[in-house]
């Protein structure tokens, strides 16, 4: 599985190449030698733990990680904090992902693409474009913003053909979505605590399972907290993902969600885990007593680790359109969201909701999903999304 996480850069710089001549001053080599040892972030690894994330990788050519497994537009890199250098063409894995994304967004994109089948640029084209964007759940504010940008650029470039308007719209959409791109960083804290929320049916627990798999593949030690004690079988579902990924899980049958979360974060610290993911109960933002329980979980997690949670993610269903935007606003108000996971974009006619989020509540989108398979969850890239949406 390809890499898609970015690890917090180490405090000490990477060692400089060893001088060839023995008469050179050896002081620099002595000062950089400690970086060859494992990073001190794992405090108490369990006897049966997976290989340490901080364990040193081969220090032979530094450029090697930049050439292997990296993806264009990926927010993540291989361990040891070496950025992946973009290549001229996407890696095969990324290209397959882009094909799936284009296929998933086809229903949304085809409705918009029909606007540009005419022979001239006129008021009718702009009216049809406005209608198509609204039907794609782009939202009134984002739709008006895009229309204004398109008209301005058409006038400044002297475009005369509808296909040119389509290209201008794609570029304007990419610029609107660009602020949603952000890197998910792990390793800045020990452990990195990720709290995940979302309404029932959005794909929250499945997304946690996929995220855990990718983390484990990168060598990170993960601990799951089954704090979703509200939904029947949620604990069992998360346990299946824990077994599948060979990671530990903290759960209590009928236990208090806040208590489970506290125990998990405490255990993660004691066992030297790199990441603790807290699966909270799915709920609607209108369920005020349950939203208050989410706030309680966050407060209790802070008691277990003062600076936690480090990430508060909301999983939203891309099929719900403007309702997804309402969820983002409500959960952000209650918890202070740091990122989004947008699922089920395959087959939806409402893929424009990301534009509405970018315009009205620009919470970073860490991942988007277009299916149930592990490879159907990938990092969000604004330009790729705009191109896939408009074809």
Protein backbone atom coordinates (compact mmCIF):
# COMPACT_ATOMS: atom_id res chain seq x y z
CA UNK A 1 0.00 0.00 0.00
CA UNK A 2 1.31 3.37 -0.93
CA UNK A 3 2.29 5.94 1.64
CA UNK A 4 -0.05 8.74 2.55
CA UNK A 5 0.91 10.15 5.90
CA UNK A 6 3.31 12.88 6.88
CA UNK A 7 5.35 12.41 9.99
CA UNK A 8 6.39 15.33 12.18
CA UNK A 9 9.96 16.37 11.25
CA UNK A 10 12.56 15.32 13.81
CA UNK A 11 14.04 18.00 16.05
CA UNK A 12 17.59 17.31 14.81
CA UNK A 13 18.57 17.75 11.17
CA UNK A 14 19.42 14.83 8.93
CA UNK A 15 23.11 13.88 9.08
CA UNK A 16 25.39 15.41 6.51
CA UNK A 17 27.33 13.06 4.19
CA UNK A 18 30.41 11.58 5.93
CA UNK A 19 33.58 13.37 4.73
CA UNK A 20 35.69 11.21 2.45
CA UNK A 21 39.07 12.40 3.66
CA UNK A 22 40.08 11.21 7.14
CA UNK A 23 41.82 14.48 7.88
CA UNK A 24 38.52 16.35 7.91
CA UNK A 25 37.17 17.73 11.18
CA UNK A 26 35.04 15.00 12.72
CA UNK A 27 33.02 17.30 14.96
CA UNK A 28 29.98 17.57 12.62
CA UNK A 29 29.76 13.81 12.32
CA UNK A 30 29.83 13.46 16.08
CA UNK A 31 27.07 15.96 16.58
CA UNK A 32 24.78 14.36 14.03
CA UNK A 33 25.43 10.78 15.09
CA UNK A 34 22.45 10.60 17.52
CA UNK A 35 20.02 10.87 14.57
CA UNK A 36 20.95 7.33 13.57
CA UNK A 37 19.38 6.01 16.77
CA UNK A 38 15.63 5.36 17.05
CA UNK A 39 13.54 8.45 17.72
CA UNK A 40 12.80 8.74 21.44
CA UNK A 41 9.05 9.22 20.90
CA UNK A 42 8.04 5.66 21.84
CA UNK A 43 8.09 5.60 25.61
CA UNK A 44 6.93 2.13 26.53
CA UNK A 45 6.41 -0.24 23.62
CA UNK A 46 4.54 -3.45 24.48
CA UNK A 47 6.39 -6.75 24.08
CA UNK A 48 4.15 -7.78 21.19
CA UNK A 49 4.03 -4.43 19.46
CA UNK A 50 4.58 -4.01 15.72
CA UNK A 51 7.94 -2.63 14.55
CA UNK A 52 8.65 0.77 16.02
CA UNK A 53 7.74 3.80 13.91
CA UNK A 54 10.78 5.63 15.22
CA UNK A 55 13.15 2.82 14.22
CA UNK A 56 15.87 4.05 11.89
CA UNK A 57 15.52 3.50 8.18
CA UNK A 58 18.54 2.91 5.96
CA UNK A 59 20.51 6.12 5.86
CA UNK A 60 22.13 5.43 2.49
CA UNK A 61 20.87 7.88 -0.16
CA UNK A 62 18.46 10.49 1.30
CA UNK A 63 16.71 10.99 -2.08
CA UNK A 64 15.56 7.36 -2.14
CA UNK A 65 12.35 7.89 -0.10
CA UNK A 66 11.42 10.78 -2.38
CA UNK A 67 11.47 8.45 -5.36
CA UNK A 68 9.57 5.51 -3.94
CA UNK A 69 5.84 5.17 -3.53
CA UNK A 70 5.12 8.89 -3.53
CA UNK A 71 1.92 10.21 -5.06
CA UNK A 72 1.24 13.48 -6.79
CA UNK A 73 -1.10 15.50 -4.61
CA UNK A 74 -0.62 13.16 -1.67
CA UNK A 75 -0.57 14.82 1.72
CA UNK A 76 1.55 12.06 3.18
CA UNK A 77 5.10 10.86 2.98
CA UNK A 78 7.15 7.87 4.04
CA UNK A 79 8.55 7.58 7.59
CA UNK A 80 11.58 9.64 8.58
CA UNK A 81 9.94 12.82 7.29
CA UNK A 82 11.37 12.82 3.78
CA UNK A 83 8.94 14.68 1.47
CA UNK A 84 7.83 12.89 -1.66
CA UNK A 85 8.95 14.80 -4.74
CA UNK A 86 6.20 15.13 -7.37
CA UNK A 87 6.99 13.39 -10.62
CA UNK A 88 6.02 14.38 -14.13
CA UNK A 89 3.24 11.78 -14.32
CA UNK A 90 1.09 10.24 -11.59
CA UNK A 91 2.14 6.92 -10.12
CA UNK A 92 0.06 3.99 -11.40
CA UNK A 93 -1.71 3.73 -8.05
CA UNK A 94 -2.70 7.37 -8.13
CA UNK A 95 -3.85 7.14 -11.73
CA UNK A 96 -6.11 4.23 -10.84
CA UNK A 97 -7.47 6.30 -7.99
CA UNK A 98 -8.15 9.25 -10.31
CA UNK A 99 -10.01 6.94 -12.66
CA UNK A 100 -12.21 5.74 -9.79
CA UNK A 101 -12.78 9.32 -8.65
CA UNK A 102 -13.81 10.42 -12.15
CA UNK A 103 -16.14 7.46 -12.42
CA UNK A 104 -17.64 8.18 -9.00
CA UNK A 105 -18.28 11.84 -9.79
CA UNK A 106 -19.64 11.17 -13.28
CA UNK A 107 -23.25 11.71 -12.26
CA UNK A 108 -22.44 15.15 -10.86
CA UNK A 109 -20.07 16.07 -13.66
CA UNK A 110 -22.31 15.01 -16.55
CA UNK A 111 -25.05 17.37 -15.42
CA UNK A 112 -22.61 20.28 -15.43
CA UNK A 113 -20.83 19.21 -18.64
CA UNK A 114 -24.10 19.37 -20.62
CA UNK A 115 -24.05 23.14 -20.17
CA UNK A 116 -21.01 23.45 -22.44
CA UNK A 117 -22.35 21.49 -25.42
CA UNK A 118 -23.71 24.59 -27.16
CA UNK A 119 -21.94 26.76 -29.71
CA UNK A 120 -21.71 30.14 -28.02
CA UNK A 121 -21.21 31.95 -24.75
CA UNK A 122 -24.34 33.88 -23.81
CA UNK A 123 -26.71 34.57 -20.95
CA UNK A 124 -28.44 31.22 -21.49
CA UNK A 125 -25.17 29.39 -20.89
CA UNK A 126 -24.60 31.23 -17.61
CA UNK A 127 -28.19 30.56 -16.48
CA UNK A 128 -27.85 26.87 -17.26
CA UNK A 129 -24.50 26.77 -15.47
CA UNK A 130 -26.01 28.40 -12.39
CA UNK A 131 -28.81 25.83 -12.33
CA UNK A 132 -26.41 22.92 -12.79
CA UNK A 133 -24.16 24.10 -9.96
CA UNK A 134 -27.10 24.54 -7.61
CA UNK A 135 -28.40 21.06 -8.46
CA UNK A 136 -24.94 19.71 -7.64
CA UNK A 137 -25.38 21.21 -4.15
CA UNK A 138 -22.61 23.72 -4.67
CA UNK A 139 -24.67 26.16 -2.62
CA UNK A 140 -25.84 29.68 -3.38
CA UNK A 141 -22.70 31.47 -2.14
CA UNK A 142 -20.22 29.20 -3.88
CA UNK A 143 -22.29 29.18 -7.07
CA UNK A 144 -22.34 32.98 -7.19
CA UNK A 145 -18.62 33.10 -6.48
CA UNK A 146 -17.85 30.67 -9.30
CA UNK A 147 -20.12 32.47 -11.76
CA UNK A 148 -18.50 35.81 -10.99
CA UNK A 149 -15.02 34.30 -11.43
CA UNK A 150 -15.97 32.62 -14.71
CA UNK A 151 -17.49 35.78 -16.18
CA UNK A 152 -14.50 37.86 -15.12
CA UNK A 153 -11.98 35.45 -16.63
CA UNK A 154 -13.99 35.01 -19.83
CA UNK A 155 -13.95 38.77 -20.29
CA UNK A 156 -10.24 39.12 -19.49
CA UNK A 157 -9.14 36.22 -21.72
CA UNK A 158 -11.48 36.90 -24.61
CA UNK A 159 -12.82 33.33 -24.58
CA UNK A 160 -15.36 32.66 -27.33
CA UNK A 161 -16.17 28.95 -27.05
CA UNK A 162 -18.11 27.08 -24.33
CA UNK A 163 -15.29 24.55 -23.92
CA UNK A 164 -13.07 27.43 -22.84
CA UNK A 165 -15.65 28.36 -20.20
CA UNK A 166 -15.50 24.79 -18.94
CA UNK A 167 -11.73 25.00 -18.54
CA UNK A 168 -12.06 28.35 -16.78
CA UNK A 169 -14.67 26.86 -14.42
CA UNK A 170 -12.35 23.94 -13.64
CA UNK A 171 -9.53 26.32 -12.72
CA UNK A 172 -11.83 28.55 -10.64
CA UNK A 173 -13.20 25.51 -8.78
CA UNK A 174 -9.68 24.26 -8.05
CA UNK A 175 -8.73 27.66 -6.64
CA UNK A 176 -11.85 27.70 -4.46
CA UNK A 177 -11.10 24.21 -3.11
CA UNK A 178 -7.38 24.79 -2.59
CA UNK A 179 -7.70 25.97 1.06
CA UNK A 180 -9.21 22.58 1.93
CA UNK A 181 -5.92 20.82 1.20
CA UNK A 182 -3.95 20.07 4.35
CA UNK A 183 -1.46 17.48 5.52
CA UNK A 184 -2.39 15.07 8.30
CA UNK A 185 0.66 15.05 10.57
CA UNK A 186 1.38 12.30 13.08
CA UNK A 187 4.22 12.06 15.54
CA UNK A 188 4.21 15.64 16.81
CA UNK A 189 2.75 14.28 20.05
CA UNK A 190 3.12 10.93 21.77
CA UNK A 191 0.60 9.56 21.12
CA UNK A 192 -1.28 11.53 18.47
CA UNK A 193 -4.92 11.35 19.56
CA UNK A 194 -7.54 11.46 16.80
CA UNK A 195 -11.19 11.82 17.78
CA UNK A 196 -13.65 10.84 15.03
CA UNK A 197 -17.32 11.87 14.93
CA UNK A 198 -20.16 11.59 12.43
CA UNK A 199 -23.82 10.69 12.04
CA UNK A 200 -24.96 7.10 11.70
CA UNK A 201 -24.57 5.78 8.18
CA UNK A 202 -21.87 8.24 7.10
CA UNK A 203 -19.20 5.52 7.09
CA UNK A 204 -17.43 6.63 10.27
CA UNK A 205 -16.30 3.26 11.62
CA UNK A 206 -15.36 1.96 8.17
CA UNK A 207 -13.28 5.09 7.55
CA UNK A 208 -11.51 4.54 10.88
CA UNK A 209 -10.72 0.99 9.80
CA UNK A 210 -9.24 2.18 6.50
CA UNK A 211 -7.28 4.92 8.22
CA UNK A 212 -5.93 2.38 10.72
CA UNK A 213 -4.83 0.10 7.90
CA UNK A 214 -2.90 2.87 6.16
CA UNK A 215 -1.27 3.92 9.44
CA UNK A 216 -0.31 0.35 10.27
CA UNK A 217 1.15 -0.12 6.79
CA UNK A 218 3.35 2.91 7.46
CA UNK A 219 4.68 1.24 10.58
CA UNK A 220 2.72 3.29 13.11
CA UNK A 221 1.50 1.54 16.24
CA UNK A 222 -2.23 2.24 16.63
CA UNK A 223 -4.67 1.81 19.51
CA UNK A 224 -8.42 2.00 18.89
CA UNK A 225 -11.01 3.19 21.41
CA UNK A 226 -14.48 1.72 20.93
CA UNK A 227 -16.32 4.68 22.45
CA UNK A 228 -19.34 4.21 20.16
CA UNK A 229 -21.43 2.45 22.77
CA UNK A 230 -24.61 4.06 21.46
CA UNK A 231 -25.02 2.04 18.23
CA UNK A 232 -25.67 -1.68 18.32
CA UNK A 233 -22.72 -3.77 17.09
CA UNK A 234 -20.47 -0.72 16.67
CA UNK A 235 -17.98 -2.14 19.17
CA UNK A 236 -17.94 -5.48 17.35
CA UNK A 237 -17.48 -3.77 13.98
CA UNK A 238 -14.47 -1.83 15.24
CA UNK A 239 -13.08 -5.01 16.81
CA UNK A 240 -13.15 -6.68 13.38
CA UNK A 241 -11.06 -3.85 11.95
CA UNK A 242 -8.67 -4.13 14.92
CA UNK A 243 -8.21 -7.86 14.28
CA UNK A 244 -7.82 -7.32 10.54
CA UNK A 245 -5.12 -4.70 11.07
CA UNK A 246 -3.53 -6.48 14.07
CA UNK A 247 -3.87 -3.48 16.35
CA UNK A 248 -5.03 -3.22 19.95
CA UNK A 249 -8.48 -2.03 20.98
CA UNK A 250 -9.92 -0.75 24.26
CA UNK A 251 -13.63 -1.42 24.71
CA UNK A 252 -16.21 -2.01 27.42
CA UNK A 253 -19.57 -3.62 26.84
CA UNK A 254 -22.13 -1.01 27.79
CA UNK A 255 -19.39 1.23 29.15
CA UNK A 256 -19.48 5.00 29.36
CA UNK A 257 -18.02 6.47 26.14
CA UNK A 258 -15.99 9.08 28.02
CA UNK A 259 -14.55 6.42 30.35
CA UNK A 260 -13.57 4.22 27.41
CA UNK A 261 -11.88 7.19 25.76
CA UNK A 262 -9.98 8.06 28.93
CA UNK A 263 -8.79 4.48 29.38
CA UNK A 264 -7.69 4.27 25.74
CA UNK A 265 -5.64 7.47 25.80
CA UNK A 266 -4.06 6.48 29.12
CA UNK A 267 -3.23 3.04 27.72
CA UNK A 268 -1.82 4.58 24.56
CA UNK A 269 0.55 6.73 26.59
CA UNK A 270 1.60 3.86 28.84
CA UNK A 271 2.21 1.49 25.94
CA UNK A 272 4.08 3.98 23.79
CA UNK A 273 1.56 4.00 20.95
CA UNK A 274 2.00 6.40 18.07
CA UNK A 275 -1.70 6.98 17.41
CA UNK A 276 -4.91 6.57 19.42
CA UNK A 277 -8.14 6.78 17.40
CA UNK A 278 -11.34 7.35 19.37
CA UNK A 279 -14.50 6.14 17.61
CA UNK A 280 -17.38 8.16 19.04
CA UNK A 281 -21.09 7.45 18.73
CA UNK A 282 -22.89 8.46 15.56
CA UNK A 283 -25.52 11.11 16.16
CA UNK A 284 -27.45 13.92 14.55
CA UNK A 285 -26.46 17.46 15.48
CA UNK A 286 -30.07 18.03 16.56
CA UNK A 287 -29.67 15.44 19.33
CA UNK A 288 -28.49 17.96 21.88
CA UNK A 289 -27.94 15.52 24.76
CA UNK A 290 -25.77 13.32 22.56
CA UNK A 291 -23.82 16.30 21.24
CA UNK A 292 -23.15 17.22 24.85
CA UNK A 293 -21.78 13.71 25.35
CA UNK A 294 -19.30 14.39 22.55
CA UNK A 295 -18.15 17.51 24.37
CA UNK A 296 -17.74 15.41 27.50
CA UNK A 297 -15.59 12.88 25.64
CA UNK A 298 -13.33 15.68 24.45
CA UNK A 299 -13.02 17.10 27.98
CA UNK A 300 -12.20 13.69 29.45
CA UNK A 301 -9.62 12.98 26.75
CA UNK A 302 -7.93 16.26 27.73
CA UNK A 303 -7.72 14.98 31.31
CA UNK A 304 -5.89 11.88 30.10
CA UNK A 305 -3.54 13.96 27.93
CA UNK A 306 -3.60 17.71 28.33
CA UNK A 307 -2.98 18.63 24.68
CA UNK A 308 -5.36 16.01 23.25
CA UNK A 309 -7.27 15.46 21.07
CA UNK A 310 -4.82 16.64 18.43
CA UNK A 311 -7.23 16.00 15.56
CA UNK A 312 -11.03 16.12 15.64
CA UNK A 313 -12.35 14.62 12.40
CA UNK A 314 -15.90 14.57 11.09
CA UNK A 315 -16.96 11.90 8.60
CA UNK A 316 -19.68 13.15 6.25
CA UNK A 317 -21.66 11.40 3.53
CA UNK A 318 -21.17 13.15 0.18
CA UNK A 319 -24.64 12.03 -0.90
CA UNK A 320 -26.31 14.29 1.65
CA UNK A 321 -25.34 17.53 -0.12
CA UNK A 322 -26.25 20.67 1.78
CA UNK A 323 -27.14 18.60 4.84
CA UNK A 324 -23.45 17.68 5.01
CA UNK A 325 -22.60 21.39 5.19
CA UNK A 326 -25.10 21.79 8.03
CA UNK A 327 -23.41 18.91 9.87
CA UNK A 328 -19.98 20.50 9.43
CA UNK A 329 -21.22 23.76 10.93
CA UNK A 330 -22.93 22.06 13.88
CA UNK A 331 -20.07 19.70 14.79
CA UNK A 332 -17.48 22.44 14.33
CA UNK A 333 -19.42 24.64 16.73
CA UNK A 334 -19.59 21.84 19.30
CA UNK A 335 -16.10 20.34 18.99
CA UNK A 336 -13.84 22.61 16.96
CA UNK A 337 -13.17 20.39 13.95
CA UNK A 338 -9.68 20.09 12.51
CA UNK A 339 -10.49 18.00 9.45
CA UNK A 340 -13.08 16.16 7.36
CA UNK A 341 -13.41 12.76 5.73
CA UNK A 342 -15.92 12.86 2.86
CA UNK A 343 -17.27 9.43 1.93
CA UNK A 344 -19.59 7.91 -0.69
CA UNK A 345 -18.82 10.36 -3.47
CA UNK A 346 -19.30 7.54 -5.95
CA UNK A 347 -22.57 7.75 -7.83
CA UNK A 348 -23.73 11.00 -6.22
CA UNK A 349 -25.20 13.97 -8.08
CA UNK A 350 -24.26 16.22 -5.15
CA UNK A 351 -20.46 16.24 -5.38
CA UNK A 352 -20.44 20.02 -5.49
CA UNK A 353 -20.95 20.14 -1.72
CA UNK A 354 -17.17 20.47 -1.25
CA UNK A 355 -17.37 23.85 -2.98
CA UNK A 356 -20.06 24.90 -0.52
CA UNK A 357 -17.88 23.79 2.38
CA UNK A 358 -14.89 25.68 0.97
CA UNK A 359 -16.95 28.85 0.61
CA UNK A 360 -18.87 28.78 3.89
CA UNK A 361 -17.00 26.55 6.38
CA UNK A 362 -13.49 25.84 5.07
CA UNK A 363 -12.52 22.89 7.27
CA UNK A 364 -9.63 20.93 5.71
CA UNK A 365 -10.59 17.75 3.86
CA UNK A 366 -8.00 15.11 4.72
CA UNK A 367 -9.55 12.22 2.81
CA UNK A 368 -12.30 11.47 0.31
CA UNK A 369 -13.83 8.10 -0.47
CA UNK A 370 -15.52 6.68 -3.54
CA UNK A 371 -16.28 3.14 -2.41
CA UNK A 372 -16.02 0.48 0.26
CA UNK A 373 -12.59 -0.92 -0.62
CA UNK A 374 -9.46 0.08 1.23
CA UNK A 375 -7.98 1.77 -1.85
CA UNK A 376 -11.16 3.82 -2.28
CA UNK A 377 -10.07 6.19 0.52
CA UNK A 378 -7.45 8.68 -0.59
CA UNK A 379 -6.01 12.10 0.14
CA UNK A 380 -7.85 15.15 -1.16
CA UNK A 381 -6.33 17.24 -3.94
CA UNK A 382 -8.24 20.30 -5.15
CA UNK A 383 -7.08 20.25 -8.75
CA UNK A 384 -7.64 16.52 -9.13
CA UNK A 385 -11.13 16.85 -7.70
CA UNK A 386 -12.04 19.75 -9.99
CA UNK A 387 -10.77 17.93 -13.06
CA UNK A 388 -12.55 14.71 -12.10
CA UNK A 389 -15.78 16.57 -11.41
CA UNK A 390 -15.86 18.43 -14.74
CA UNK A 391 -14.20 15.72 -16.84
